C-alpha atoms as a PDB file:
ATOM      1  CA  UNK A   1      17.961 -28.349  16.521  1.00  0.00           C
ATOM      2  CA  UNK A   2      20.362 -29.353  14.018  1.00  0.00           C
ATOM      3  CA  UNK A   3      22.912 -26.544  12.872  1.00  0.00           C
ATOM      4  CA  UNK A   4      24.772 -26.906   9.208  1.00  0.00           C
ATOM      5  CA  UNK A   5      28.328 -25.785   8.803  1.00  0.00           C
ATOM      6  CA  UNK A   6      26.947 -23.085   6.797  1.00  0.00           C
ATOM      7  CA  UNK A   7      24.788 -21.868   9.606  1.00  0.00           C
ATOM      8  CA  UNK A   8      27.942 -21.598  11.574  1.00  0.00           C
ATOM      9  CA  UNK A   9      30.016 -19.880   9.083  1.00  0.00           C
ATOM     10  CA  UNK A  10      26.960 -17.256   8.860  1.00  0.00           C
ATOM     11  CA  UNK A  11      27.230 -16.410  12.233  1.00  0.00           C
ATOM     12  CA  UNK A  12      30.873 -15.893  12.230  1.00  0.00           C
ATOM     13  CA  UNK A  13      30.763 -13.666   9.503  1.00  0.00           C
ATOM     14  CA  UNK A  14      28.294 -11.417  11.697  1.00  0.00           C
ATOM     15  CA  UNK A  15      30.410 -11.598  14.482  1.00  0.00           C
ATOM     16  CA  UNK A  16      33.269 -10.765  12.397  1.00  0.00           C
ATOM     17  CA  UNK A  17      35.152 -13.921  13.575  1.00  0.00           C
ATOM     18  CA  UNK A  18      37.892 -16.128  11.608  1.00  0.00           C
ATOM     19  CA  UNK A  19      36.884 -19.630  11.721  1.00  0.00           C
ATOM     20  CA  UNK A  20      39.197 -22.446   9.688  1.00  0.00           C
ATOM     21  CA  UNK A  21      36.775 -25.740   9.034  1.00  0.00           C
ATOM     22  CA  UNK A  22      37.906 -27.188  12.218  1.00  0.00           C
ATOM     23  CA  UNK A  23      36.899 -24.692  14.166  1.00  0.00           C
ATOM     24  CA  UNK A  24      33.168 -24.366  12.491  1.00  0.00           C
ATOM     25  CA  UNK A  25      32.561 -27.947  12.844  1.00  0.00           C
ATOM     26  CA  UNK A  26      33.233 -28.107  16.640  1.00  0.00           C
ATOM     27  CA  UNK A  27      31.514 -24.809  17.193  1.00  0.00           C
ATOM     28  CA  UNK A  28      28.645 -26.077  15.329  1.00  0.00           C
ATOM     29  CA  UNK A  29      28.603 -29.220  17.546  1.00  0.00           C
ATOM     30  CA  UNK A  30      28.917 -27.641  20.708  1.00  0.00           C
ATOM     31  CA  UNK A  31      26.428 -25.212  19.560  1.00  0.00           C
ATOM     32  CA  UNK A  32      23.835 -28.355  18.610  1.00  0.00           C
ATOM     33  CA  UNK A  33      24.391 -29.319  22.294  1.00  0.00           C
ATOM     34  CA  UNK A  34      23.873 -26.329  23.565  1.00  0.00           C
ATOM     35  CA  UNK A  35      20.290 -25.978  21.483  1.00  0.00           C
ATOM     36  CA  UNK A  36      19.213 -29.558  22.048  1.00  0.00           C
ATOM     37  CA  UNK A  37      19.777 -28.633  26.101  1.00  0.00           C
ATOM     38  CA  UNK A  38      17.768 -25.721  25.767  1.00  0.00           C
ATOM     39  CA  UNK A  39      14.701 -27.438  23.692  1.00  0.00           C
ATOM     40  CA  UNK A  40      14.890 -30.523  26.557  1.00  0.00           C
ATOM     41  CA  UNK A  41      14.361 -27.925  29.074  1.00  0.00           C
ATOM     42  CA  UNK A  42      11.868 -26.102  27.241  1.00  0.00           C
ATOM     43  CA  UNK A  43       9.807 -29.433  27.143  1.00  0.00           C
ATOM     44  CA  UNK A  44       9.767 -29.697  30.716  1.00  0.00           C
ATOM     45  CA  UNK A  45       5.897 -28.828  31.983  1.00  0.00           C
ATOM     46  CA  UNK A  46       6.252 -26.366  34.534  1.00  0.00           C
ATOM     47  CA  UNK A  47       2.673 -24.950  35.103  1.00  0.00           C
ATOM     48  CA  UNK A  48       2.513 -26.461  38.507  1.00  0.00           C
ATOM     49  CA  UNK A  49       5.354 -25.118  39.683  1.00  0.00           C
ATOM     50  CA  UNK A  50       5.340 -22.153  41.900  1.00  0.00           C
ATOM     51  CA  UNK A  51       8.148 -19.237  41.213  1.00  0.00           C
ATOM     52  CA  UNK A  52      11.179 -19.312  43.490  1.00  0.00           C
ATOM     53  CA  UNK A  53      13.257 -16.317  44.960  1.00  0.00           C
ATOM     54  CA  UNK A  54      15.877 -18.363  45.945  1.00  0.00           C
ATOM     55  CA  UNK A  55      17.172 -21.665  44.857  1.00  0.00           C
ATOM     56  CA  UNK A  56      17.378 -22.835  48.284  1.00  0.00           C
ATOM     57  CA  UNK A  57      14.801 -22.650  51.139  1.00  0.00           C
ATOM     58  CA  UNK A  58      16.755 -19.945  53.477  1.00  0.00           C
ATOM     59  CA  UNK A  59      15.628 -16.910  55.054  1.00  0.00           C
ATOM     60  CA  UNK A  60      17.780 -13.597  55.721  1.00  0.00           C
ATOM     61  CA  UNK A  61      18.596 -13.229  59.425  1.00  0.00           C
ATOM     62  CA  UNK A  62      17.513  -9.466  60.392  1.00  0.00           C
ATOM     63  CA  UNK A  63      18.993  -7.400  62.930  1.00  0.00           C
ATOM     64  CA  UNK A  64      17.339  -5.011  65.265  1.00  0.00           C
ATOM     65  CA  UNK A  65      16.905  -2.025  63.496  1.00  0.00           C
ATOM     66  CA  UNK A  66      18.645   0.663  66.213  1.00  0.00           C
ATOM     67  CA  UNK A  67      20.657   3.542  65.717  1.00  0.00           C
ATOM     68  CA  UNK A  68      24.464   2.329  66.585  1.00  0.00           C
ATOM     69  CA  UNK A  69      26.739   5.566  65.241  1.00  0.00           C
ATOM     70  CA  UNK A  70      26.728   8.883  66.919  1.00  0.00           C
ATOM     71  CA  UNK A  71      25.205  11.703  64.804  1.00  0.00           C
ATOM     72  CA  UNK A  72      28.236  13.611  63.455  1.00  0.00           C
ATOM     73  CA  UNK A  73      26.279  16.003  61.057  1.00  0.00           C
ATOM     74  CA  UNK A  74      27.440  18.866  62.548  1.00  0.00           C
ATOM     75  CA  UNK A  75      30.804  17.841  62.971  1.00  0.00           C
ATOM     76  CA  UNK A  76      31.359  17.113  59.442  1.00  0.00           C
ATOM     77  CA  UNK A  77      29.342  20.067  58.048  1.00  0.00           C
ATOM     78  CA  UNK A  78      31.692  22.587  60.391  1.00  0.00           C
ATOM     79  CA  UNK A  79      34.643  21.605  57.767  1.00  0.00           C
ATOM     80  CA  UNK A  80      32.934  22.058  54.992  1.00  0.00           C
ATOM     81  CA  UNK A  81      33.612  24.783  52.504  1.00  0.00           C
ATOM     82  CA  UNK A  82      29.468  25.538  52.398  1.00  0.00           C
ATOM     83  CA  UNK A  83      26.288  24.180  54.228  1.00  0.00           C
ATOM     84  CA  UNK A  84      22.843  25.384  54.973  1.00  0.00           C
ATOM     85  CA  UNK A  85      20.309  23.905  57.010  1.00  0.00           C
ATOM     86  CA  UNK A  86      21.918  20.258  57.235  1.00  0.00           C
ATOM     87  CA  UNK A  87      22.415  20.071  53.266  1.00  0.00           C
ATOM     88  CA  UNK A  88      25.886  20.490  51.628  1.00  0.00           C
ATOM     89  CA  UNK A  89      26.127  23.254  49.235  1.00  0.00           C
ATOM     90  CA  UNK A  90      28.078  22.516  45.858  1.00  0.00           C
ATOM     91  CA  UNK A  91      28.719  24.732  42.757  1.00  0.00           C
ATOM     92  CA  UNK A  92      26.119  24.463  40.063  1.00  0.00           C
ATOM     93  CA  UNK A  93      27.406  21.959  37.149  1.00  0.00           C
ATOM     94  CA  UNK A  94      24.389  21.496  34.508  1.00  0.00           C
ATOM     95  CA  UNK A  95      22.675  24.465  33.162  1.00  0.00           C
END
């Protein structure tokens, strides 16, 4: 995609960026190269490629799902200002 300095100047004005002519020219060159790369990537046929969940073929190491800490709910609720039926009672905030 070919950009002109006027295009970059319009975008800079919309973004409230103050740019001089040198900055506008440099930005035009950089944006044009980004747009060219995007066009190149969109030109690649990916219809036969399966979606991937990760860039590498790795799997998570899983551990056994077992309880490792003792149940201390009664201890924690004993120091709570208000608790009932295993729940902490708090003042109503939203009406």
